[in-house]
Amino acid sequence: MGNSGVSARELAAATPATRDRYVDLLRVASLGVVVLGHWLMAVVDGGGQVGNLLAVVPGLQVVTWALQVMPVFFFVGGFSHALAYRSRPRYAAFLRARLQRLLRPTMVFVGVWGIAALVIQLLGGDGGLTGVALRLVTQPLWFIGIYLAMVAFTPPLLTLHERWGWGAFGALVGGAVVVDVVRFAADVPFVEFLNFAFVWLAIHQLGFLRADGMIRLPGVLAGAGLTAAALLVALGPYPLSMVGMPGEKVSNMAPPTLALLAHGLWLVGAVELLKGPGARFTARAGVWHKVVAANGIAMTAFLWHLTAMLGVYGALLALDVRLPAPATAAWWAQAPLRIAAAAVLTALLVAAFRRFEQPAATAPADGSAALPPASGRGDPHLASLAALGVTLALFGVLGLSMVGFGGLLEGHSATLIAVDVTAPAAVGMALAGWLLVERAGRGRNTRMS
């Protein structure tokens, strides 16, 4: 698989008995649900403008309580990060191993789209759906940026977990509560952005608790989360949808709210309740082979799935195929064909770019085999260099998710924490950060002046 020369079947056959296969299933299933949700929610009119099915049919927003599964991905990330860092507690090497699987396919995606955007705009072809695509395709990169932050904060938060257990999780939840109270009751500006950290890191912290077998009452967790989410939406200022909606005054996603945190608790409890059946299901050789194969391409498919979807709509418009009005019977009848076409195009893009998502041939469940042998906590200067690198990388990726590639030649910018960022600057930050992490992770001690 990838450049490793090891097939998915060989990797599956070499899996140790101690591997938590259910975690791998959750990882690929959560990304798969996100991809399918994006394909289904997107509506494009005859002029190439992209809308949201959930805005057209507000009653469907309740399905996001089951299909907004990003919290599950961040939860299993916390589980894997805890085991990986404990196996090789060197910060720089840990970051390098994690960023390779994230940033290599991401930067290839960014490079291809960056060149395409430049050519398109030089030729004056950035109108209609093409112009929308230049703005839209980078939006899912917010997920990569948040995940980079989780990787970066794993060592200190894992230390707090080992000392305080559920108390460390409770402190993060408390921070999210304070932020929302100050935001909505005192109307303090900009404080809501702190919940990008408190909410998502709290979900990530649950993965640490799972790694140590401390989630013993998943039914209570699920029930408490679902009840809290329902009460917050019914009685508070929170919208029904657990994904962002166009034009809404308050979004549960950007920035994340206490309602989204409660939703995450319900999902984590629910998937933990299914752990027994899930483990038996993934113990089947045929199922496990498919899970391994899917894990090897999951990030590549996630990066390119919007490109495929927009490509399908672009082909339909170019062929003068009538696009039915959203949510009509004709629209629903056409939806399976559009989704199937997007899946085929995604598969072709994955075939072209999968080599850049290179799995470790012998990686265990925690991914620690990708890290070099180590003893102790490593050189503090290398750790500082790696910390600077991952900070640049995550801000670069987040910046690009906001600014997109539209208006590249005009210097279009977006505001990232009170700083205007252009697409070239964001790409430069991400590349520079990745280079610093690579240098530090390989043990090349470049002192910072």
Protein backbone atom coordinates (compact mmCIF):
# COMPACT_ATOMS: atom_id res chain seq x y z
CA MET A 1 0.00 0.00 0.00
CA GLY A 2 1.41 3.43 -0.91
CA ASN A 3 5.20 3.64 -1.18
CA SER A 4 5.72 1.01 1.45
CA GLY A 5 5.24 -1.82 -1.03
CA VAL A 6 3.07 -3.65 1.49
CA SER A 7 -0.47 -4.55 0.47
CA ALA A 8 -3.53 -4.06 2.63
CA ARG A 9 -3.93 -7.83 2.77
CA GLU A 10 -0.39 -8.27 4.10
CA LEU A 11 -0.92 -5.53 6.68
CA ALA A 12 -4.19 -7.12 7.75
CA ALA A 13 -2.57 -10.55 8.08
CA ALA A 14 0.27 -9.09 10.18
CA THR A 15 -2.05 -7.34 12.64
CA PRO A 16 -1.19 -8.25 16.25
CA ALA A 17 -3.94 -9.72 18.39
CA THR A 18 -3.65 -6.79 20.81
CA ARG A 19 -4.71 -4.19 18.23
CA ASP A 20 -7.97 -2.41 18.93
CA ARG A 21 -9.54 -2.92 15.52
CA TYR A 22 -12.77 -1.19 16.49
CA VAL A 23 -10.87 2.11 16.73
CA ASP A 24 -9.75 1.72 13.12
CA LEU A 25 -13.32 1.02 12.06
CA LEU A 26 -14.52 4.15 13.85
CA ARG A 27 -11.84 6.24 12.17
CA VAL A 28 -12.76 5.28 8.61
CA ALA A 29 -16.49 5.16 9.30
CA SER A 30 -16.55 8.68 10.75
CA LEU A 31 -14.69 10.14 7.76
CA GLY A 32 -16.94 8.17 5.41
CA VAL A 33 -20.07 9.61 7.02
CA VAL A 34 -18.65 13.15 6.70
CA VAL A 35 -17.91 12.62 3.00
CA LEU A 36 -21.36 11.18 2.31
CA GLY A 37 -22.98 14.00 4.26
CA HIS A 38 -21.20 16.64 2.20
CA TRP A 39 -22.24 14.97 -1.04
CA LEU A 40 -25.85 14.78 0.05
CA MET A 41 -26.16 18.25 1.59
CA ALA A 42 -24.71 20.18 -1.34
CA VAL A 43 -27.24 21.66 -3.77
CA VAL A 44 -26.16 23.45 -6.96
CA ASP A 45 -28.46 25.53 -9.13
CA GLY A 46 -28.28 26.18 -12.86
CA GLY A 47 -26.07 29.22 -12.29
CA GLY A 48 -23.45 27.22 -10.45
CA GLN A 49 -24.25 28.59 -6.99
CA VAL A 50 -23.82 26.10 -4.15
CA GLY A 51 -26.36 25.90 -1.32
CA ASN A 52 -27.19 23.60 1.58
CA LEU A 53 -30.04 21.09 1.57
CA LEU A 54 -30.50 21.62 5.31
CA ALA A 55 -31.27 25.28 4.69
CA VAL A 56 -33.80 24.37 2.01
CA VAL A 57 -35.49 21.78 4.23
CA PRO A 58 -34.89 22.89 7.85
CA GLY A 59 -36.73 19.85 9.18
CA LEU A 60 -33.82 17.69 8.05
CA GLN A 61 -31.42 19.45 10.44
CA VAL A 62 -32.28 16.92 13.14
CA VAL A 63 -30.36 14.25 11.18
CA THR A 64 -27.14 16.09 12.03
CA TRP A 65 -27.55 14.72 15.57
CA ALA A 66 -26.57 11.35 14.12
CA LEU A 67 -24.49 12.33 11.10
CA GLN A 68 -22.25 15.06 12.56
CA VAL A 69 -19.59 12.56 13.57
CA MET A 70 -16.40 14.65 13.63
CA PRO A 71 -16.37 14.26 17.45
CA VAL A 72 -15.94 10.50 16.95
CA PHE A 73 -12.86 11.06 14.78
CA PHE A 74 -11.30 13.39 17.35
CA PHE A 75 -12.16 10.92 20.13
CA VAL A 76 -10.35 8.03 18.47
CA GLY A 77 -7.51 10.43 17.69
CA GLY A 78 -7.06 11.02 21.40
CA PHE A 79 -6.98 7.27 22.02
CA SER A 80 -4.29 6.72 19.37
CA HIS A 81 -2.23 9.74 20.39
CA ALA A 82 -2.10 8.60 24.01
CA LEU A 83 -0.76 5.17 23.10
CA ALA A 84 1.67 6.54 20.50
CA TYR A 85 3.24 9.13 22.76
CA ARG A 86 3.56 6.72 25.66
CA SER A 87 5.36 4.28 23.40
CA ARG A 88 7.95 6.83 22.29
CA PRO A 89 7.86 9.90 24.56
CA ARG A 90 9.95 12.20 22.36
CA TYR A 91 7.94 15.25 21.39
CA ALA A 92 9.73 16.08 18.13
CA ALA A 93 9.67 12.50 16.86
CA PHE A 94 6.03 12.10 17.88
CA LEU A 95 5.03 15.24 15.98
CA ARG A 96 7.00 14.25 12.89
CA ALA A 97 5.36 10.82 12.70
CA ARG A 98 1.89 12.28 13.07
CA LEU A 99 2.39 15.17 10.66
CA GLN A 100 3.74 12.95 7.89
CA ARG A 101 0.40 11.16 7.51
CA LEU A 102 -1.51 14.45 7.74
CA LEU A 103 0.55 17.02 5.89
CA ARG A 104 2.07 15.08 3.02
CA PRO A 105 -1.28 14.36 1.28
CA THR A 106 -2.58 17.76 2.40
CA MET A 107 0.26 19.73 0.84
CA VAL A 108 0.01 17.74 -2.38
CA PHE A 109 -3.69 18.64 -2.49
CA VAL A 110 -2.86 22.29 -1.81
CA GLY A 111 -0.14 22.33 -4.45
CA VAL A 112 -2.34 20.85 -7.18
CA TRP A 113 -5.22 23.20 -6.43
CA GLY A 114 -2.89 26.19 -6.06
CA ILE A 115 -1.42 25.67 -9.52
CA ALA A 116 -4.87 25.03 -10.98
CA ALA A 117 -6.20 28.22 -9.35
CA LEU A 118 -3.36 30.29 -10.75
CA VAL A 119 -3.89 28.96 -14.29
CA ILE A 120 -7.68 29.37 -14.08
CA GLN A 121 -7.43 32.97 -12.94
CA LEU A 122 -4.76 33.86 -15.50
CA LEU A 123 -7.13 32.58 -18.17
CA GLY A 124 -10.07 34.46 -16.65
CA GLY A 125 -12.10 31.32 -16.02
CA ASP A 126 -12.89 31.86 -12.35
CA GLY A 127 -16.60 32.59 -12.72
CA GLY A 128 -19.64 30.47 -11.96
CA LEU A 129 -19.11 27.09 -10.33
CA THR A 130 -15.35 27.26 -10.93
CA GLY A 131 -15.10 30.39 -8.82
CA VAL A 132 -17.18 28.75 -6.12
CA ALA A 133 -14.90 25.71 -6.20
CA LEU A 134 -11.80 27.87 -5.69
CA ARG A 135 -13.33 29.16 -2.47
CA LEU A 136 -14.97 25.93 -1.31
CA VAL A 137 -12.44 23.13 -1.77
CA THR A 138 -10.14 24.31 1.03
CA GLN A 139 -12.87 24.69 3.67
CA PRO A 140 -12.56 21.11 5.03
CA LEU A 141 -8.92 21.87 5.87
CA TRP A 142 -10.18 23.34 9.17
CA PHE A 143 -10.38 19.73 10.31
CA ILE A 144 -6.68 19.19 9.56
CA GLY A 145 -5.79 22.35 11.47
CA ILE A 146 -7.78 21.35 14.55
CA TYR A 147 -6.29 17.87 14.43
CA LEU A 148 -2.77 19.35 14.29
CA ALA A 149 -3.58 21.31 17.43
CA MET A 150 -4.68 18.10 19.15
CA VAL A 151 -1.42 16.41 18.21
CA ALA A 152 0.57 19.40 19.48
CA PHE A 153 -1.23 19.47 22.87
CA THR A 154 -1.15 15.69 23.44
CA PRO A 155 1.92 15.57 25.77
CA PRO A 156 0.83 18.26 28.27
CA LEU A 157 -2.82 17.19 28.26
CA LEU A 158 -1.83 13.55 28.63
CA THR A 159 0.23 14.52 31.68
CA LEU A 160 -2.81 16.27 33.16
CA HIS A 161 -4.93 13.21 32.39
CA GLU A 162 -2.47 10.88 34.11
CA ARG A 163 -2.60 13.04 37.21
CA TRP A 164 -6.26 14.06 37.35
CA GLY A 165 -8.16 11.59 35.11
CA TRP A 166 -11.75 12.73 34.69
CA GLY A 167 -10.81 15.95 36.47
CA ALA A 168 -8.69 17.08 33.50
CA PHE A 169 -11.63 16.44 31.18
CA GLY A 170 -13.91 18.30 33.60
CA ALA A 171 -11.61 21.32 33.56
CA LEU A 172 -11.87 21.54 29.76
CA VAL A 173 -15.65 21.21 29.95
CA GLY A 174 -15.69 23.92 32.60
CA GLY A 175 -13.71 26.18 30.30
CA ALA A 176 -16.28 25.63 27.53
CA VAL A 177 -19.12 26.46 29.94
CA VAL A 178 -17.45 29.68 31.06
CA VAL A 179 -16.79 30.75 27.46
CA ASP A 180 -20.42 30.29 26.43
CA VAL A 181 -21.76 32.00 29.55
CA VAL A 182 -19.49 35.00 28.99
CA ARG A 183 -20.31 34.98 25.29
CA PHE A 184 -24.09 34.89 25.54
CA ALA A 185 -24.76 36.48 28.94
CA ALA A 186 -22.13 39.24 28.89
CA ASP A 187 -21.80 39.60 25.11
CA VAL A 188 -18.00 39.70 25.31
CA PRO A 189 -16.61 39.81 21.77
CA PHE A 190 -14.22 37.19 20.38
CA VAL A 191 -14.25 35.05 23.55
CA GLU A 192 -16.22 32.36 21.67
CA PHE A 193 -13.12 31.43 19.66
CA LEU A 194 -11.57 29.92 22.80
CA ASN A 195 -14.02 27.07 22.41
CA PHE A 196 -12.15 25.84 19.36
CA ALA A 197 -9.70 24.67 22.02
CA PHE A 198 -11.94 23.80 24.98
CA VAL A 199 -14.63 21.86 23.08
CA TRP A 200 -12.44 19.86 20.71
CA LEU A 201 -9.72 19.18 23.27
CA ALA A 202 -12.37 17.93 25.72
CA ILE A 203 -13.55 15.40 23.11
CA HIS A 204 -9.91 14.48 22.45
CA GLN A 205 -9.39 14.02 26.21
CA LEU A 206 -12.13 11.38 26.21
CA GLY A 207 -9.83 9.34 23.99
CA PHE A 208 -7.21 9.38 26.77
CA LEU A 209 -9.84 8.11 29.19
CA ARG A 210 -10.73 5.31 26.79
CA ALA A 211 -7.07 4.36 26.43
CA ASP A 212 -6.93 3.78 30.19
CA GLY A 213 -10.26 1.94 30.38
CA MET A 214 -11.90 4.73 32.35
CA ILE A 215 -15.13 5.05 30.34
CA ARG A 216 -17.02 2.41 32.31
CA LEU A 217 -20.58 3.74 31.96
CA PRO A 218 -20.97 4.67 28.27
CA GLY A 219 -24.75 4.54 28.54
CA VAL A 220 -24.69 7.24 31.20
CA LEU A 221 -22.33 9.33 29.07
CA ALA A 222 -24.57 8.97 26.01
CA GLY A 223 -27.75 9.73 27.94
CA ALA A 224 -26.29 12.73 29.73
CA GLY A 225 -24.88 14.14 26.50
CA LEU A 226 -28.10 13.70 24.55
CA THR A 227 -30.21 15.17 27.35
CA ALA A 228 -27.89 18.14 27.78
CA ALA A 229 -27.80 18.82 24.04
CA ALA A 230 -31.59 18.69 23.80
CA LEU A 231 -32.04 21.05 26.75
CA LEU A 232 -29.42 23.50 25.48
CA VAL A 233 -31.07 23.66 22.06
CA ALA A 234 -34.61 23.84 23.47
CA LEU A 235 -33.93 26.42 26.18
CA GLY A 236 -30.74 28.18 25.12
CA PRO A 237 -29.46 30.26 22.20
CA TYR A 238 -28.21 27.23 20.28
CA PRO A 239 -29.52 26.21 16.83
CA LEU A 240 -30.86 22.75 16.05
CA SER A 241 -28.26 21.92 13.42
CA MET A 242 -24.95 20.46 14.58
CA VAL A 243 -23.28 21.66 11.38
CA GLY A 244 -22.87 25.24 10.22
CA MET A 245 -25.75 26.78 8.29
CA PRO A 246 -25.51 29.70 5.84
CA GLY A 247 -26.57 33.02 7.29
CA GLU A 248 -27.21 31.80 10.84
CA LYS A 249 -26.39 34.18 13.69
CA VAL A 250 -25.09 31.40 15.95
CA SER A 251 -23.39 28.26 14.68
CA ASN A 252 -22.78 25.18 16.79
CA MET A 253 -19.67 24.46 14.73
CA ALA A 254 -17.75 27.66 14.06
CA PRO A 255 -16.85 28.30 16.76
CA PRO A 256 -18.01 25.15 18.54
CA THR A 257 -20.50 25.56 21.35
CA LEU A 258 -21.43 23.81 24.56
CA ALA A 259 -24.29 22.18 22.63
CA LEU A 260 -21.80 20.61 20.22
CA LEU A 261 -19.74 19.37 23.17
CA ALA A 262 -22.85 17.71 24.63
CA HIS A 263 -23.53 16.23 21.21
CA GLY A 264 -19.99 14.84 21.20
CA LEU A 265 -20.54 13.20 24.58
CA TRP A 266 -23.67 11.48 23.30
CA LEU A 267 -21.84 10.17 20.22
CA VAL A 268 -18.84 8.94 22.21
CA GLY A 269 -21.12 7.13 24.64
CA ALA A 270 -23.07 5.61 21.76
CA VAL A 271 -20.01 4.24 19.93
CA GLU A 272 -18.64 2.88 23.21
CA LEU A 273 -21.92 1.03 23.78
CA LEU A 274 -21.32 -0.66 20.41
CA LYS A 275 -17.74 -1.62 21.20
CA GLY A 276 -18.49 -5.31 21.77
CA PRO A 277 -20.37 -5.91 18.51
CA GLY A 278 -17.86 -3.68 16.69
CA ALA A 279 -14.91 -5.72 17.93
CA ARG A 280 -16.57 -8.97 16.83
CA PHE A 281 -17.38 -7.48 13.44
CA THR A 282 -13.80 -6.31 12.78
CA ALA A 283 -12.42 -9.67 13.94
CA ARG A 284 -13.65 -11.15 10.64
CA ALA A 285 -10.76 -11.46 8.22
CA GLY A 286 -12.64 -10.04 5.24
CA VAL A 287 -13.95 -7.07 7.21
CA TRP A 288 -10.56 -6.30 8.73
CA HIS A 289 -8.87 -6.36 5.32
CA LYS A 290 -11.35 -3.75 4.07
CA VAL A 291 -10.85 -1.59 7.18
CA VAL A 292 -7.06 -1.67 6.72
CA ALA A 293 -7.37 -0.79 3.04
CA ALA A 294 -9.75 2.08 3.81
CA ASN A 295 -7.48 3.46 6.53
CA GLY A 296 -4.65 3.65 4.02
CA ILE A 297 -6.58 6.05 1.77
CA ALA A 298 -9.01 7.77 4.15
CA MET A 299 -7.21 11.11 4.35
CA THR A 300 -6.68 11.27 0.59
CA ALA A 301 -10.37 10.55 -0.03
CA PHE A 302 -11.38 13.19 2.51
CA LEU A 303 -9.17 15.83 0.91
CA TRP A 304 -10.44 15.22 -2.63
CA HIS A 305 -14.12 14.39 -2.09
CA LEU A 306 -15.35 17.97 -2.59
CA THR A 307 -13.27 18.24 -5.76
CA ALA A 308 -15.05 15.15 -7.06
CA MET A 309 -18.49 16.42 -6.09
CA LEU A 310 -17.94 19.80 -7.74
CA GLY A 311 -16.50 18.03 -10.78
CA VAL A 312 -19.71 16.03 -11.15
CA TYR A 313 -21.86 19.15 -10.91
CA GLY A 314 -19.55 20.94 -13.34
CA ALA A 315 -19.94 18.13 -15.87
CA LEU A 316 -23.72 18.21 -15.51
CA LEU A 317 -23.78 21.96 -16.13
CA ALA A 318 -21.41 21.65 -19.10
CA LEU A 319 -23.64 18.97 -20.63
CA ASP A 320 -26.74 21.14 -20.05
CA VAL A 321 -28.28 18.49 -17.81
CA ARG A 322 -31.24 20.01 -15.99
CA LEU A 323 -30.64 20.25 -12.26
CA PRO A 324 -33.95 19.77 -10.43
CA ALA A 325 -35.01 22.14 -7.69
CA PRO A 326 -33.56 21.00 -4.33
CA ALA A 327 -35.58 18.51 -2.26
CA THR A 328 -38.10 17.85 -5.02
CA ALA A 329 -38.93 14.29 -6.05
CA ALA A 330 -36.76 14.68 -9.17
CA TRP A 331 -33.86 15.95 -7.04
CA TRP A 332 -34.05 12.96 -4.69
CA ALA A 333 -34.29 10.59 -7.67
CA GLN A 334 -31.13 12.09 -9.18
CA ALA A 335 -29.20 12.13 -5.88
CA PRO A 336 -28.04 8.46 -5.93
CA LEU A 337 -26.64 8.93 -9.44
CA ARG A 338 -24.76 12.09 -8.44
CA ILE A 339 -23.35 10.43 -5.34
CA ALA A 340 -22.30 7.35 -7.31
CA ALA A 341 -20.56 9.55 -9.88
CA ALA A 342 -18.80 11.51 -7.10
CA ALA A 343 -17.67 8.21 -5.54
CA VAL A 344 -16.22 7.02 -8.85
CA LEU A 345 -14.38 10.30 -9.42
CA THR A 346 -13.10 10.27 -5.84
CA ALA A 347 -11.78 6.74 -6.41
CA LEU A 348 -9.91 7.95 -9.50
CA LEU A 349 -8.39 10.85 -7.56
CA VAL A 350 -7.44 8.50 -4.73
CA ALA A 351 -5.74 6.19 -7.22
CA ALA A 352 -3.74 9.15 -8.52
CA PHE A 353 -2.71 10.59 -5.14
CA ARG A 354 -2.80 7.71 -2.64
CA ARG A 355 0.97 7.23 -2.82
CA PHE A 356 1.40 10.38 -0.76
CA GLU A 357 -0.55 8.89 2.15
CA GLN A 358 2.03 6.30 3.13
CA PRO A 359 1.14 4.05 6.04
CA ALA A 360 3.79 2.46 8.19
CA ALA A 361 4.08 -1.18 7.14
CA THR A 362 4.19 -2.47 10.70
CA ALA A 363 2.26 0.19 12.59
CA PRO A 364 0.37 -1.11 15.63
CA ALA A 365 -2.97 0.21 16.78
CA ASP A 366 -1.40 3.26 18.36
CA GLY A 367 0.77 4.14 15.38
CA SER A 368 3.91 4.15 17.52
CA ALA A 369 5.99 2.00 15.20
CA ALA A 370 6.40 5.01 12.95
CA LEU A 371 8.48 6.68 15.68
CA PRO A 372 12.23 6.08 16.02
CA PRO A 373 13.60 4.34 19.10
CA ALA A 374 13.96 6.74 21.97
CA SER A 375 14.68 6.98 25.63
CA GLY A 376 13.75 9.86 27.87
CA ARG A 377 11.91 12.97 26.78
CA GLY A 378 14.38 14.10 24.13
CA ASP A 379 16.33 17.29 23.47
CA PRO A 380 14.37 20.33 24.72
CA HIS A 381 15.71 22.45 21.85
CA LEU A 382 14.36 19.98 19.32
CA ALA A 383 11.05 19.96 21.17
CA SER A 384 10.89 23.77 20.99
CA LEU A 385 11.70 23.70 17.28
CA ALA A 386 8.97 21.11 16.69
CA ALA A 387 6.47 23.14 18.74
CA LEU A 388 7.18 26.21 16.62
CA GLY A 389 6.83 24.13 13.48
CA VAL A 390 3.48 22.59 14.36
CA THR A 391 2.16 26.03 15.39
CA LEU A 392 3.08 27.48 11.99
CA ALA A 393 1.62 24.46 10.22
CA LEU A 394 -1.72 24.57 12.01
CA PHE A 395 -2.13 28.33 11.51
CA GLY A 396 -1.19 27.96 7.87
CA VAL A 397 -3.72 25.21 7.28
CA LEU A 398 -6.45 27.04 9.21
CA GLY A 399 -5.70 30.23 7.31
CA LEU A 400 -5.97 28.46 3.97
CA SER A 401 -9.28 26.86 4.98
CA MET A 402 -10.65 30.37 5.53
CA VAL A 403 -9.21 32.27 2.58
CA GLY A 404 -9.42 29.62 -0.17
CA PHE A 405 -7.91 30.08 -3.62
CA GLY A 406 -10.45 32.58 -4.95
CA GLY A 407 -9.02 36.01 -5.79
CA LEU A 408 -5.48 34.66 -5.72
CA LEU A 409 -4.14 37.26 -8.14
CA GLU A 410 -5.96 40.09 -6.38
CA GLY A 411 -4.39 39.28 -3.01
CA HIS A 412 -7.68 38.19 -1.42
CA SER A 413 -7.27 37.68 2.33
CA ALA A 414 -9.18 36.43 5.36
CA THR A 415 -8.80 37.34 9.03
CA LEU A 416 -7.19 34.71 11.23
CA ILE A 417 -7.03 35.82 14.88
CA ALA A 418 -6.90 39.54 14.02
CA VAL A 419 -4.32 39.02 11.24
CA ASP A 420 -5.13 39.17 7.53
CA VAL A 421 -3.80 36.07 5.74
CA THR A 422 -3.53 35.47 2.01
CA ALA A 423 -3.44 32.04 0.39
CA PRO A 424 0.30 32.23 -0.50
CA ALA A 425 1.14 33.30 3.06
CA ALA A 426 -0.94 30.45 4.51
CA VAL A 427 0.73 27.89 2.24
CA GLY A 428 4.15 29.32 3.15
CA MET A 429 3.42 28.99 6.88
CA ALA A 430 2.26 25.40 6.49
CA LEU A 431 5.32 24.40 4.46
CA ALA A 432 7.74 26.18 6.80
CA GLY A 433 6.12 24.57 9.83
CA TRP A 434 6.28 21.12 8.29
CA LEU A 435 9.98 21.62 7.45
CA LEU A 436 10.76 22.62 11.03
CA VAL A 437 8.97 19.57 12.43
CA GLU A 438 10.79 17.32 9.96
CA ARG A 439 14.18 18.76 11.00
CA ALA A 440 13.42 18.43 14.69
CA GLY A 441 11.92 14.95 14.36
CA ARG A 442 15.02 13.70 12.58
CA GLY A 443 17.19 15.02 15.40
CA ARG A 444 18.66 17.95 13.49
CA ASN A 445 19.11 20.52 16.23
CA THR A 446 18.85 23.96 14.68
CA ARG A 447 19.02 26.49 17.52
CA MET A 448 16.57 29.34 17.26
CA SER A 449 18.07 32.79 17.53
